[in-house]
Amino acid sequence: MSPTGIAANRLELLQIAEAVAREKSIDREVVISAIEEAIQKGARARYGAEHDIRVRIDPKTGETTLKRVIRVIPDDETFTDEDGLPVEPVGIRRLSEALRDDPEAFVGKTYEEVLPPFEFGRVQTQMARQVVTGKVREAERERQYEEFKDRVGEVINGVVKRVEYGNTVVDLGRGEGIMRRDQSIPRENFNIGDRIRCYIYDVRREAKGPQILLTAPSTPSAPAWACAEAGSRPWWPSCRARRSTSSSGARTKPPSSSTPWRPPRCPRW
């Protein structure tokens, strides 16, 4: 966000919204809404937290408007917080008080006052950045969840972004997935930048963001893949593992000193 706050060039605000929306693959309106909320918090810090200040940025011109809104409520109306303690909300005025200044006041009447523009100070600028960053991150997480939630069971291409304690984080283009150690092929080592194919087996909405859980494409059908690929992967446990029965179900003879034991053939998949 520009350090000059809402006094910044109107075109600059729209350029910021366009750039962030394009970078994060989210709607431009979401970014503009986040900037509006950031300006609103900065204005309340400037004019007083007891005021109901509303901000609107014209999405076409970038013109920013600040208004202080006051709503008339009944004298006997009460409000409480989450703990049941009495609290007075912002932007309200009791009817008896409003009638002293406006004989035509009534319950539900709303007064709007346009506020002059102002420049953000250091505190307001930092606050605005935090608000915009949080809102954009929240919108980005929601976009990722909506995009991947219906793709469970799909095989997707990705690029290894980093490897942490045996878990592989994969860049999927418009999101990140994680292949945990127990979902990868044993002894399969990845390096940053490797292109791999993954199977999306679950997408979960969590507080820290959507979790796109990946597994190696062979994991859902490991026995078939193991035998088919045994010849090309000498380190992979093949069908030569010790077995007491053949593929047809007949018991095999144990090895003897006179006749070398031969493992049963791998079944064709």
C-alpha atoms as a PDB file:
ATOM      1  CA  MET A   1       0.000   0.000   0.000  1.00  0.00           C
ATOM      2  CA  SER A   2       1.249   3.464  -0.796  1.00  0.00           C
ATOM      3  CA  PRO A   3       2.752   5.244   2.245  1.00  0.00           C
ATOM      4  CA  THR A   4       0.687   8.341   1.387  1.00  0.00           C
ATOM      5  CA  GLY A   5      -2.519   6.466   2.239  1.00  0.00           C
ATOM      6  CA  ILE A   6      -5.733   7.567   0.598  1.00  0.00           C
ATOM      7  CA  ALA A   7      -4.133  10.774  -0.605  1.00  0.00           C
ATOM      8  CA  ALA A   8      -2.283   8.637  -3.144  1.00  0.00           C
ATOM      9  CA  ASN A   9      -2.996   9.018  -6.815  1.00  0.00           C
ATOM     10  CA  ARG A  10      -6.314   7.390  -7.693  1.00  0.00           C
ATOM     11  CA  LEU A  11      -4.702   5.495 -10.533  1.00  0.00           C
ATOM     12  CA  GLU A  12      -2.086   4.134  -8.136  1.00  0.00           C
ATOM     13  CA  LEU A  13      -4.750   2.446  -5.985  1.00  0.00           C
ATOM     14  CA  LEU A  14      -6.213   0.698  -9.016  1.00  0.00           C
ATOM     15  CA  GLN A  15      -2.752  -0.346 -10.194  1.00  0.00           C
ATOM     16  CA  ILE A  16      -2.047  -1.860  -6.781  1.00  0.00           C
ATOM     17  CA  ALA A  17      -5.335  -3.781  -6.893  1.00  0.00           C
ATOM     18  CA  GLU A  18      -4.641  -5.023 -10.423  1.00  0.00           C
ATOM     19  CA  ALA A  19      -1.113  -6.171  -9.604  1.00  0.00           C
ATOM     20  CA  VAL A  20      -2.057  -8.013  -6.409  1.00  0.00           C
ATOM     21  CA  ALA A  21      -5.097  -9.658  -8.017  1.00  0.00           C
ATOM     22  CA  ARG A  22      -3.017 -10.871 -10.946  1.00  0.00           C
ATOM     23  CA  GLU A  23      -0.179 -12.133  -8.747  1.00  0.00           C
ATOM     24  CA  LYS A  24      -2.468 -14.029  -6.345  1.00  0.00           C
ATOM     25  CA  SER A  25      -5.038 -15.128  -8.955  1.00  0.00           C
ATOM     26  CA  ILE A  26      -7.951 -13.628  -7.052  1.00  0.00           C
ATOM     27  CA  ASP A  27     -10.708 -11.204  -8.023  1.00  0.00           C
ATOM     28  CA  ARG A  28      -9.780  -7.551  -8.287  1.00  0.00           C
ATOM     29  CA  GLU A  29     -12.867  -6.640  -6.254  1.00  0.00           C
ATOM     30  CA  VAL A  30     -11.513  -8.664  -3.319  1.00  0.00           C
ATOM     31  CA  VAL A  31      -8.318  -6.605  -3.291  1.00  0.00           C
ATOM     32  CA  ILE A  32     -10.234  -3.332  -3.542  1.00  0.00           C
ATOM     33  CA  SER A  33     -12.433  -4.424  -0.640  1.00  0.00           C
ATOM     34  CA  ALA A  34      -9.313  -5.210   1.411  1.00  0.00           C
ATOM     35  CA  ILE A  35      -7.892  -1.739   0.672  1.00  0.00           C
ATOM     36  CA  GLU A  36     -11.213  -0.177   1.690  1.00  0.00           C
ATOM     37  CA  GLU A  37     -11.118  -2.005   5.011  1.00  0.00           C
ATOM     38  CA  ALA A  38      -7.508  -0.962   5.555  1.00  0.00           C
ATOM     39  CA  ILE A  39      -8.361   2.685   4.938  1.00  0.00           C
ATOM     40  CA  GLN A  40     -11.385   2.352   7.221  1.00  0.00           C
ATOM     41  CA  LYS A  41      -9.236   1.101  10.111  1.00  0.00           C
ATOM     42  CA  GLY A  42      -6.732   3.862   9.519  1.00  0.00           C
ATOM     43  CA  ALA A  43      -9.525   6.455   9.514  1.00  0.00           C
ATOM     44  CA  ARG A  44     -10.965   5.142  12.788  1.00  0.00           C
ATOM     45  CA  ALA A  45      -7.514   5.383  14.333  1.00  0.00           C
ATOM     46  CA  ARG A  46      -7.364   8.980  13.099  1.00  0.00           C
ATOM     47  CA  TYR A  47     -10.894  10.201  13.888  1.00  0.00           C
ATOM     48  CA  GLY A  48     -11.735   7.940  16.818  1.00  0.00           C
ATOM     49  CA  ALA A  49     -12.690   4.288  17.285  1.00  0.00           C
ATOM     50  CA  GLU A  50     -16.191   5.266  18.440  1.00  0.00           C
ATOM     51  CA  HIS A  51     -17.120   6.361  14.909  1.00  0.00           C
ATOM     52  CA  ASP A  52     -18.666   4.154  12.234  1.00  0.00           C
ATOM     53  CA  ILE A  53     -16.543   5.129   9.246  1.00  0.00           C
ATOM     54  CA  ARG A  54     -17.203   3.619   5.863  1.00  0.00           C
ATOM     55  CA  VAL A  55     -14.950   3.761   2.839  1.00  0.00           C
ATOM     56  CA  ARG A  56     -15.717   3.236  -0.821  1.00  0.00           C
ATOM     57  CA  ILE A  57     -13.269   3.143  -3.722  1.00  0.00           C
ATOM     58  CA  ASP A  58     -14.760   3.598  -7.160  1.00  0.00           C
ATOM     59  CA  PRO A  59     -13.489   0.553  -9.129  1.00  0.00           C
ATOM     60  CA  LYS A  60     -13.413   2.581 -12.359  1.00  0.00           C
ATOM     61  CA  THR A  61     -11.913   5.899 -11.304  1.00  0.00           C
ATOM     62  CA  GLY A  62     -10.163   5.014  -8.048  1.00  0.00           C
ATOM     63  CA  GLU A  63     -11.870   7.906  -6.264  1.00  0.00           C
ATOM     64  CA  THR A  64     -12.017   7.266  -2.520  1.00  0.00           C
ATOM     65  CA  THR A  65     -14.874   8.478  -0.337  1.00  0.00           C
ATOM     66  CA  LEU A  66     -14.947   8.477   3.479  1.00  0.00           C
ATOM     67  CA  LYS A  67     -18.198   8.850   5.382  1.00  0.00           C
ATOM     68  CA  ARG A  68     -19.035   8.897   9.056  1.00  0.00           C
ATOM     69  CA  VAL A  69     -22.390   7.175   9.578  1.00  0.00           C
ATOM     70  CA  ILE A  70     -24.660   7.650  12.597  1.00  0.00           C
ATOM     71  CA  ARG A  71     -27.857   5.626  13.111  1.00  0.00           C
ATOM     72  CA  VAL A  72     -30.654   6.579  15.479  1.00  0.00           C
ATOM     73  CA  ILE A  73     -31.774   3.856  17.910  1.00  0.00           C
ATOM     74  CA  PRO A  74     -34.405   3.699  20.693  1.00  0.00           C
ATOM     75  CA  ASP A  75     -33.453   5.036  24.120  1.00  0.00           C
ATOM     76  CA  ASP A  76     -34.084   1.680  25.801  1.00  0.00           C
ATOM     77  CA  GLU A  77     -32.240  -0.542  23.313  1.00  0.00           C
ATOM     78  CA  THR A  78     -29.305  -2.371  24.887  1.00  0.00           C
ATOM     79  CA  PHE A  79     -26.337  -4.275  23.497  1.00  0.00           C
ATOM     80  CA  THR A  80     -24.043  -6.887  25.047  1.00  0.00           C
ATOM     81  CA  ASP A  81     -20.746  -8.453  24.073  1.00  0.00           C
ATOM     82  CA  GLU A  82     -19.892 -12.165  23.860  1.00  0.00           C
ATOM     83  CA  ASP A  83     -19.574 -12.344  27.648  1.00  0.00           C
ATOM     84  CA  GLY A  84     -22.987 -10.783  28.188  1.00  0.00           C
ATOM     85  CA  LEU A  85     -21.572  -7.474  29.404  1.00  0.00           C
ATOM     86  CA  PRO A  86     -23.253  -4.241  28.300  1.00  0.00           C
ATOM     87  CA  VAL A  87     -21.530  -2.455  25.434  1.00  0.00           C
ATOM     88  CA  GLU A  88     -22.287   0.596  23.314  1.00  0.00           C
ATOM     89  CA  PRO A  89     -21.749  -0.063  19.574  1.00  0.00           C
ATOM     90  CA  VAL A  90     -20.100   2.481  17.306  1.00  0.00           C
ATOM     91  CA  GLY A  91     -22.032   4.830  15.067  1.00  0.00           C
ATOM     92  CA  ILE A  92     -25.260   5.037  17.086  1.00  0.00           C
ATOM     93  CA  ARG A  93     -27.214   7.836  18.701  1.00  0.00           C
ATOM     94  CA  ARG A  94     -30.112   7.599  21.128  1.00  0.00           C
ATOM     95  CA  LEU A  95     -33.416   9.056  19.930  1.00  0.00           C
ATOM     96  CA  SER A  96     -33.715  11.565  22.757  1.00  0.00           C
ATOM     97  CA  GLU A  97     -30.241  12.871  22.010  1.00  0.00           C
ATOM     98  CA  ALA A  98     -30.868  13.052  18.275  1.00  0.00           C
ATOM     99  CA  LEU A  99     -34.120  15.021  18.784  1.00  0.00           C
ATOM    100  CA  ARG A 100     -32.214  17.820  20.490  1.00  0.00           C
ATOM    101  CA  ASP A 101     -30.359  18.570  17.246  1.00  0.00           C
ATOM    102  CA  ASP A 102     -32.942  17.339  14.744  1.00  0.00           C
ATOM    103  CA  PRO A 103     -36.674  17.657  15.558  1.00  0.00           C
ATOM    104  CA  GLU A 104     -37.428  15.318  12.641  1.00  0.00           C
ATOM    105  CA  ALA A 105     -35.230  12.511  13.967  1.00  0.00           C
ATOM    106  CA  PHE A 106     -36.768   9.036  14.247  1.00  0.00           C
ATOM    107  CA  VAL A 107     -35.600   5.521  15.061  1.00  0.00           C
ATOM    108  CA  GLY A 108     -33.716   4.120  12.098  1.00  0.00           C
ATOM    109  CA  LYS A 109     -32.783   7.463  10.582  1.00  0.00           C
ATOM    110  CA  THR A 110     -29.210   7.580   9.309  1.00  0.00           C
ATOM    111  CA  TYR A 111     -26.924  10.576   9.109  1.00  0.00           C
ATOM    112  CA  GLU A 112     -23.901  10.594   6.822  1.00  0.00           C
ATOM    113  CA  GLU A 113     -21.007  13.027   7.014  1.00  0.00           C
ATOM    114  CA  VAL A 114     -18.298  13.122   4.364  1.00  0.00           C
ATOM    115  CA  LEU A 115     -14.831  13.234   5.920  1.00  0.00           C
ATOM    116  CA  PRO A 116     -11.826  14.978   4.367  1.00  0.00           C
ATOM    117  CA  PRO A 117      -8.984  12.864   2.966  1.00  0.00           C
ATOM    118  CA  PHE A 118      -5.903  12.371   5.092  1.00  0.00           C
ATOM    119  CA  GLU A 119      -2.430  10.937   4.810  1.00  0.00           C
ATOM    120  CA  PHE A 120      -1.474   7.760   6.631  1.00  0.00           C
ATOM    121  CA  GLY A 121       1.156   8.012   9.300  1.00  0.00           C
ATOM    122  CA  ARG A 122       3.621   5.228  10.039  1.00  0.00           C
ATOM    123  CA  VAL A 123       1.220   3.369  12.354  1.00  0.00           C
ATOM    124  CA  GLN A 124      -1.726   3.647   9.973  1.00  0.00           C
ATOM    125  CA  THR A 125       0.399   2.514   7.050  1.00  0.00           C
ATOM    126  CA  GLN A 126       1.599  -0.577   8.915  1.00  0.00           C
ATOM    127  CA  MET A 127      -1.952  -1.357   9.983  1.00  0.00           C
ATOM    128  CA  ALA A 128      -3.181  -0.990   6.407  1.00  0.00           C
ATOM    129  CA  ARG A 129      -0.525  -3.352   5.107  1.00  0.00           C
ATOM    130  CA  GLN A 130      -1.450  -5.978   7.680  1.00  0.00           C
ATOM    131  CA  VAL A 131      -5.139  -5.727   6.819  1.00  0.00           C
ATOM    132  CA  VAL A 132      -4.559  -5.980   3.055  1.00  0.00           C
ATOM    133  CA  THR A 133      -2.080  -8.845   3.450  1.00  0.00           C
ATOM    134  CA  GLY A 134      -4.443 -10.793   5.713  1.00  0.00           C
ATOM    135  CA  LYS A 135      -7.476 -10.285   3.473  1.00  0.00           C
ATOM    136  CA  VAL A 136      -5.577 -11.210   0.326  1.00  0.00           C
ATOM    137  CA  ARG A 137      -4.138 -14.325   1.970  1.00  0.00           C
ATOM    138  CA  GLU A 138      -7.609 -15.352   3.125  1.00  0.00           C
ATOM    139  CA  ALA A 139      -9.040 -14.860  -0.365  1.00  0.00           C
ATOM    140  CA  GLU A 140      -6.141 -16.784  -1.908  1.00  0.00           C
ATOM    141  CA  ARG A 141      -6.705 -19.728   0.448  1.00  0.00           C
ATOM    142  CA  GLU A 142     -10.408 -19.801  -0.345  1.00  0.00           C
ATOM    143  CA  ARG A 143      -9.668 -19.708  -4.069  1.00  0.00           C
ATOM    144  CA  GLN A 144      -7.263 -22.636  -3.741  1.00  0.00           C
ATOM    145  CA  TYR A 145      -9.771 -24.707  -1.801  1.00  0.00           C
ATOM    146  CA  GLU A 146     -12.573 -24.062  -4.291  1.00  0.00           C
ATOM    147  CA  GLU A 147     -10.271 -24.910  -7.189  1.00  0.00           C
ATOM    148  CA  PHE A 148      -8.944 -28.209  -5.836  1.00  0.00           C
ATOM    149  CA  LYS A 149     -11.808 -29.576  -3.709  1.00  0.00           C
ATOM    150  CA  ASP A 150     -13.419 -31.312  -6.708  1.00  0.00           C
ATOM    151  CA  ARG A 151     -10.148 -32.681  -8.091  1.00  0.00           C
ATOM    152  CA  VAL A 152      -9.675 -35.493  -5.570  1.00  0.00           C
ATOM    153  CA  GLY A 153      -8.661 -38.630  -7.462  1.00  0.00           C
ATOM    154  CA  GLU A 154      -6.932 -36.690 -10.236  1.00  0.00           C
ATOM    155  CA  VAL A 155      -3.312 -37.193 -11.285  1.00  0.00           C
ATOM    156  CA  ILE A 156      -1.598 -33.829 -11.618  1.00  0.00           C
ATOM    157  CA  ASN A 157       1.824 -32.532 -12.656  1.00  0.00           C
ATOM    158  CA  GLY A 158       3.869 -30.406 -10.288  1.00  0.00           C
ATOM    159  CA  VAL A 159       7.326 -29.116  -9.457  1.00  0.00           C
ATOM    160  CA  VAL A 160       9.132 -29.898  -6.208  1.00  0.00           C
ATOM    161  CA  LYS A 161       9.366 -26.653  -4.238  1.00  0.00           C
ATOM    162  CA  ARG A 162      11.059 -27.892  -1.089  1.00  0.00           C
ATOM    163  CA  VAL A 163      11.638 -31.023   0.973  1.00  0.00           C
ATOM    164  CA  GLU A 164      11.136 -30.859   4.731  1.00  0.00           C
ATOM    165  CA  TYR A 165      11.827 -33.844   7.013  1.00  0.00           C
ATOM    166  CA  GLY A 166      10.969 -36.297   4.253  1.00  0.00           C
ATOM    167  CA  ASN A 167       7.779 -34.441   3.269  1.00  0.00           C
ATOM    168  CA  THR A 168       7.726 -33.004  -0.233  1.00  0.00           C
ATOM    169  CA  VAL A 169       6.018 -29.674  -0.955  1.00  0.00           C
ATOM    170  CA  VAL A 170       4.886 -29.543  -4.571  1.00  0.00           C
ATOM    171  CA  ASP A 171       4.078 -26.420  -6.575  1.00  0.00           C
ATOM    172  CA  LEU A 172       0.886 -27.211  -8.494  1.00  0.00           C
ATOM    173  CA  GLY A 173       0.810 -23.924 -10.372  1.00  0.00           C
ATOM    174  CA  ARG A 174      -2.227 -22.377  -8.664  1.00  0.00           C
ATOM    175  CA  GLY A 175      -1.602 -23.922  -5.283  1.00  0.00           C
ATOM    176  CA  GLU A 176       0.728 -26.012  -3.180  1.00  0.00           C
ATOM    177  CA  GLY A 177       0.324 -29.630  -2.212  1.00  0.00           C
ATOM    178  CA  ILE A 178       2.207 -31.804   0.227  1.00  0.00           C
ATOM    179  CA  MET A 179       3.306 -35.397  -0.191  1.00  0.00           C
ATOM    180  CA  ARG A 180       4.071 -36.793   3.219  1.00  0.00           C
ATOM    181  CA  ARG A 181       6.842 -39.286   3.742  1.00  0.00           C
ATOM    182  CA  ASP A 182       4.467 -42.219   4.219  1.00  0.00           C
ATOM    183  CA  GLN A 183       2.709 -41.375   0.923  1.00  0.00           C
ATOM    184  CA  SER A 184       5.833 -41.360  -1.247  1.00  0.00           C
ATOM    185  CA  ILE A 185       7.625 -44.287  -2.835  1.00  0.00           C
ATOM    186  CA  PRO A 186      10.255 -45.778  -0.495  1.00  0.00           C
ATOM    187  CA  ARG A 187      13.789 -44.543  -1.231  1.00  0.00           C
ATOM    188  CA  GLU A 188      12.465 -42.091  -3.809  1.00  0.00           C
ATOM    189  CA  ASN A 189      14.448 -38.889  -3.374  1.00  0.00           C
ATOM    190  CA  PHE A 190      13.410 -35.578  -4.877  1.00  0.00           C
ATOM    191  CA  ASN A 191      15.396 -32.436  -5.534  1.00  0.00           C
ATOM    192  CA  ILE A 192      14.102 -28.891  -5.761  1.00  0.00           C
ATOM    193  CA  GLY A 193      12.943 -28.237  -9.303  1.00  0.00           C
ATOM    194  CA  ASP A 194      12.120 -31.873 -10.152  1.00  0.00           C
ATOM    195  CA  ARG A 195       8.945 -32.311 -12.189  1.00  0.00           C
ATOM    196  CA  ILE A 196       6.759 -35.084 -10.763  1.00  0.00           C
ATOM    197  CA  ARG A 197       3.287 -36.561 -11.188  1.00  0.00           C
ATOM    198  CA  CYS A 198       1.122 -36.774  -8.087  1.00  0.00           C
ATOM    199  CA  TYR A 199      -2.257 -38.186  -7.137  1.00  0.00           C
ATOM    200  CA  ILE A 200      -4.602 -35.877  -5.198  1.00  0.00           C
ATOM    201  CA  TYR A 201      -6.165 -38.081  -2.536  1.00  0.00           C
ATOM    202  CA  ASP A 202      -7.654 -35.430  -0.223  1.00  0.00           C
ATOM    203  CA  VAL A 203      -8.305 -31.689   0.051  1.00  0.00           C
ATOM    204  CA  ARG A 204      -9.071 -30.305   3.489  1.00  0.00           C
ATOM    205  CA  ARG A 205     -10.107 -26.851   4.672  1.00  0.00           C
ATOM    206  CA  GLU A 206      -8.069 -25.992   7.747  1.00  0.00           C
ATOM    207  CA  ALA A 207      -7.450 -22.852   9.783  1.00  0.00           C
ATOM    208  CA  LYS A 208      -3.986 -22.347   8.325  1.00  0.00           C
ATOM    209  CA  GLY A 209      -5.281 -22.770   4.791  1.00  0.00           C
ATOM    210  CA  PRO A 210      -6.370 -25.578   2.476  1.00  0.00           C
ATOM    211  CA  GLN A 211      -4.324 -28.761   2.709  1.00  0.00           C
ATOM    212  CA  ILE A 212      -3.911 -30.461  -0.671  1.00  0.00           C
ATOM    213  CA  LEU A 213      -2.672 -33.930   0.207  1.00  0.00           C
ATOM    214  CA  LEU A 214      -0.747 -35.825  -2.437  1.00  0.00           C
ATOM    215  CA  THR A 215       0.534 -39.315  -2.891  1.00  0.00           C
ATOM    216  CA  ALA A 216       2.662 -41.026  -5.497  1.00  0.00           C
ATOM    217  CA  PRO A 217       0.469 -42.190  -8.415  1.00  0.00           C
ATOM    218  CA  SER A 218       1.458 -45.781  -7.652  1.00  0.00           C
ATOM    219  CA  THR A 219       0.382 -45.690  -4.000  1.00  0.00           C
ATOM    220  CA  PRO A 220      -3.341 -46.347  -4.685  1.00  0.00           C
ATOM    221  CA  SER A 221      -2.341 -49.453  -6.669  1.00  0.00           C
ATOM    222  CA  ALA A 222       1.025 -50.269  -5.211  1.00  0.00           C
ATOM    223  CA  PRO A 223       1.069 -54.064  -5.846  1.00  0.00           C
ATOM    224  CA  ALA A 224       0.372 -53.657  -9.558  1.00  0.00           C
ATOM    225  CA  TRP A 225       2.909 -50.890  -9.954  1.00  0.00           C
ATOM    226  CA  ALA A 226       5.524 -52.712  -7.929  1.00  0.00           C
ATOM    227  CA  CYS A 227       5.517 -55.776 -10.187  1.00  0.00           C
ATOM    228  CA  ALA A 228       5.232 -53.783 -13.403  1.00  0.00           C
ATOM    229  CA  GLU A 229       8.137 -51.536 -12.498  1.00  0.00           C
ATOM    230  CA  ALA A 230      10.321 -54.028 -10.653  1.00  0.00           C
ATOM    231  CA  GLY A 231      12.508 -54.579 -13.670  1.00  0.00           C
ATOM    232  CA  SER A 232      13.198 -50.881 -14.181  1.00  0.00           C
ATOM    233  CA  ARG A 233      13.723 -50.115 -10.475  1.00  0.00           C
ATOM    234  CA  PRO A 234      16.341 -52.568  -9.126  1.00  0.00           C
ATOM    235  CA  TRP A 235      16.014 -51.135  -5.606  1.00  0.00           C
ATOM    236  CA  TRP A 236      12.238 -51.604  -5.423  1.00  0.00           C
ATOM    237  CA  PRO A 237      10.993 -54.644  -3.475  1.00  0.00           C
ATOM    238  CA  SER A 238       9.873 -56.862  -6.333  1.00  0.00           C
ATOM    239  CA  CYS A 239       7.960 -60.102  -6.507  1.00  0.00           C
ATOM    240  CA  ARG A 240      11.098 -61.927  -5.406  1.00  0.00           C
ATOM    241  CA  ALA A 241      10.139 -61.297  -1.819  1.00  0.00           C
ATOM    242  CA  ARG A 242       9.714 -64.441   0.222  1.00  0.00           C
ATOM    243  CA  ARG A 243       6.335 -66.070  -0.442  1.00  0.00           C
ATOM    244  CA  SER A 244       4.787 -69.267   0.746  1.00  0.00           C
ATOM    245  CA  THR A 245       2.306 -69.439  -2.161  1.00  0.00           C
ATOM    246  CA  SER A 246       2.490 -68.824  -5.884  1.00  0.00           C
ATOM    247  CA  SER A 247       0.325 -66.378  -7.810  1.00  0.00           C
ATOM    248  CA  SER A 248      -2.176 -69.192  -8.469  1.00  0.00           C
ATOM    249  CA  GLY A 249      -2.470 -69.985  -4.768  1.00  0.00           C
ATOM    250  CA  ALA A 250      -0.458 -73.253  -4.768  1.00  0.00           C
ATOM    251  CA  ARG A 251       2.153 -73.611  -2.043  1.00  0.00           C
ATOM    252  CA  THR A 252       5.750 -73.491  -3.177  1.00  0.00           C
ATOM    253  CA  LYS A 253       8.501 -75.767  -2.005  1.00  0.00           C
ATOM    254  CA  PRO A 254      11.079 -74.383   0.369  1.00  0.00           C
ATOM    255  CA  PRO A 255      14.643 -74.219  -0.959  1.00  0.00           C
ATOM    256  CA  SER A 256      16.738 -77.345  -0.474  1.00  0.00           C
ATOM    257  CA  SER A 257      20.419 -78.044  -0.643  1.00  0.00           C
ATOM    258  CA  SER A 258      20.084 -80.047  -3.880  1.00  0.00           C
ATOM    259  CA  THR A 259      17.654 -77.880  -5.864  1.00  0.00           C
ATOM    260  CA  PRO A 260      18.019 -74.105  -5.915  1.00  0.00           C
ATOM    261  CA  TRP A 261      14.794 -72.362  -5.028  1.00  0.00           C
ATOM    262  CA  ARG A 262      13.248 -70.150  -7.710  1.00  0.00           C
ATOM    263  CA  PRO A 263      10.665 -67.467  -6.905  1.00  0.00           C
ATOM    264  CA  PRO A 264       7.297 -67.583  -8.664  1.00  0.00           C
ATOM    265  CA  ARG A 265       6.814 -65.390 -11.695  1.00  0.00           C
ATOM    266  CA  CYS A 266       5.275 -61.987 -11.198  1.00  0.00           C
ATOM    267  CA  PRO A 267       1.646 -61.930 -12.286  1.00  0.00           C
ATOM    268  CA  ARG A 268       0.824 -59.871 -15.333  1.00  0.00           C
ATOM    269  CA  TRP A 269      -1.202 -56.804 -14.537  1.00  0.00           C
END
